[in-house]
Protein backbone atom coordinates (compact mmCIF):
# COMPACT_ATOMS: atom_id res chain seq x y z
CA MET A 1 102.10 107.19 86.55
CA PHE A 2 99.03 105.53 87.95
CA GLY A 3 95.28 105.73 87.63
CA LYS A 4 92.31 104.30 89.47
CA TYR A 5 88.60 104.16 88.67
CA GLN A 6 85.98 103.16 91.25
CA ASP A 7 82.23 102.91 90.74
CA TYR A 8 79.92 102.44 93.77
CA ASN A 9 76.41 101.00 93.29
CA ASP A 10 73.61 99.68 95.46
CA LEU A 11 70.12 98.31 94.74
CA LEU A 12 68.80 101.82 94.01
CA GLY A 13 71.49 102.62 91.44
CA GLU A 14 74.78 104.45 91.29
CA ILE A 15 76.10 106.05 94.49
CA ALA A 16 79.43 107.52 93.40
CA ARG A 17 82.17 107.52 90.79
CA LEU A 18 85.81 108.22 91.70
CA ASN A 19 88.57 108.83 89.15
CA GLU A 20 92.16 109.30 90.33
CA ALA A 21 95.30 109.99 88.29
CA GLY A 22 98.76 110.67 89.58
CA ILE A 23 102.51 110.37 89.44
CA GLN A 24 104.82 108.51 91.82
CA TRP A 25 108.62 108.84 91.92
CA ASN A 26 111.08 106.84 94.05
CA LYS A 27 114.80 107.47 94.47
CA ALA A 28 117.45 105.67 96.47
CA VAL A 29 119.35 108.05 98.75
CA GLY A 30 122.44 107.33 100.80
CA LYS A 31 122.97 103.81 102.08
CA GLY A 32 119.59 102.11 102.05
CA GLY A 33 117.42 105.22 102.15
CA ILE A 34 114.38 105.79 99.92
CA LEU A 35 112.74 109.07 98.97
CA GLU A 36 109.18 108.72 97.64
CA LEU A 37 107.15 111.55 96.07
CA LYS A 38 103.53 111.01 95.08
CA THR A 39 100.91 113.45 93.79
CA SER A 40 97.41 112.84 92.47
CA ILE A 41 94.17 114.48 91.41
CA LEU A 42 90.88 112.84 92.35
CA GLN A 43 87.57 113.68 90.69
CA ALA A 44 84.69 112.55 92.90
CA ASN A 45 81.08 112.48 91.72
CA TYR A 46 78.56 111.66 94.46
CA PHE A 47 74.90 111.18 93.54
CA ARG A 48 73.28 111.10 97.00
CA ASN A 49 73.00 113.44 100.01
CA ILE A 50 76.35 114.94 101.01
CA GLY A 51 77.15 115.17 104.72
CA THR A 52 76.20 111.61 105.65
CA VAL A 53 78.38 108.81 107.03
CA LEU A 54 77.90 106.93 103.75
CA ALA A 55 79.16 109.93 101.74
CA TYR A 56 82.24 110.29 103.96
CA ASP A 57 83.02 106.57 103.70
CA VAL A 58 82.48 106.26 99.94
CA LEU A 59 84.38 109.48 99.16
CA GLN A 60 87.23 108.38 101.50
CA GLY A 61 87.15 111.72 103.34
CA PHE A 62 87.29 113.80 100.17
CA SER A 63 84.61 116.20 98.92
CA ALA A 64 82.53 115.89 95.78
CA GLY A 65 84.35 117.61 92.92
CA ARG A 66 88.08 117.96 92.29
CA ASN A 67 90.50 117.01 95.08
CA TYR A 68 94.30 117.12 95.30
CA ARG A 69 96.73 115.02 97.34
CA GLY A 70 100.51 114.88 97.63
CA THR A 71 102.94 112.97 99.86
CA ILE A 72 106.67 112.97 100.51
CA ASP A 73 108.23 110.12 102.50
CA LEU A 74 111.87 109.59 103.46
CA ARG A 75 112.77 106.15 104.85
CA PHE A 76 116.26 105.32 106.08
CA ASN A 77 118.20 103.33 108.64
CA ALA A 78 119.66 105.61 111.30
CA SER A 79 121.75 102.72 112.64
CA LYS A 80 121.84 98.94 112.36
CA ASN A 81 118.71 98.53 114.51
CA ILE A 82 116.88 101.87 114.12
CA GLN A 83 114.69 102.63 111.13
CA MET A 84 113.36 106.19 110.60
CA ILE A 85 110.43 107.38 108.50
CA ILE A 86 109.73 111.09 107.99
CA GLY A 87 106.68 112.09 105.96
CA TYR A 88 104.51 114.93 104.78
CA GLU A 89 100.99 114.84 103.31
CA GLY A 90 99.14 117.77 101.82
CA ARG A 91 95.57 117.56 100.59
CA LYS A 92 92.92 119.93 99.29
CA THR A 93 89.27 118.96 99.17
CA GLY A 94 86.58 121.13 97.62
CA ASP A 95 86.46 124.68 99.01
CA VAL A 96 88.53 123.83 102.10
CA ARG A 97 92.07 125.25 102.33
CA PHE A 98 95.07 122.94 102.08
CA ILE A 99 95.55 120.55 105.00
CA HIS A 100 99.18 119.85 105.96
CA VAL A 101 100.19 116.80 108.01
CA GLY A 102 103.73 115.93 109.12
CA ARG A 103 104.78 112.57 110.51
CA ALA A 104 107.90 111.10 112.09
CA GLU A 105 108.35 107.48 113.10
CA ALA A 106 111.24 105.58 114.65
CA ARG A 107 111.37 101.80 114.87
CA TYR A 108 113.77 99.70 116.86
CA LEU A 109 114.39 96.33 115.21
CA PHE A 110 115.21 93.48 117.60
């Protein structure tokens, strides 16, 4: 389990308050593989005008209100010199439908 609290202020007062709580689980799979699952809920309170560059930056791309995020990553060595990473991220911000992102990465180690 993990939690994070961030408070953003400037000379005029409070800009935003972000509270995040979540669960992370790691498991060894096969010979040297790792499966990582992570899910979290983020409550974002923003006290200025929404839709500005500052709002996007402070809110880290999330919307004001309740936001959800989850990731699944599988890392393993396909051979002695090739490392593979396969991942999925799902996130829901405000009134927007779920966003699904899949990733695949291969590294050759010299």
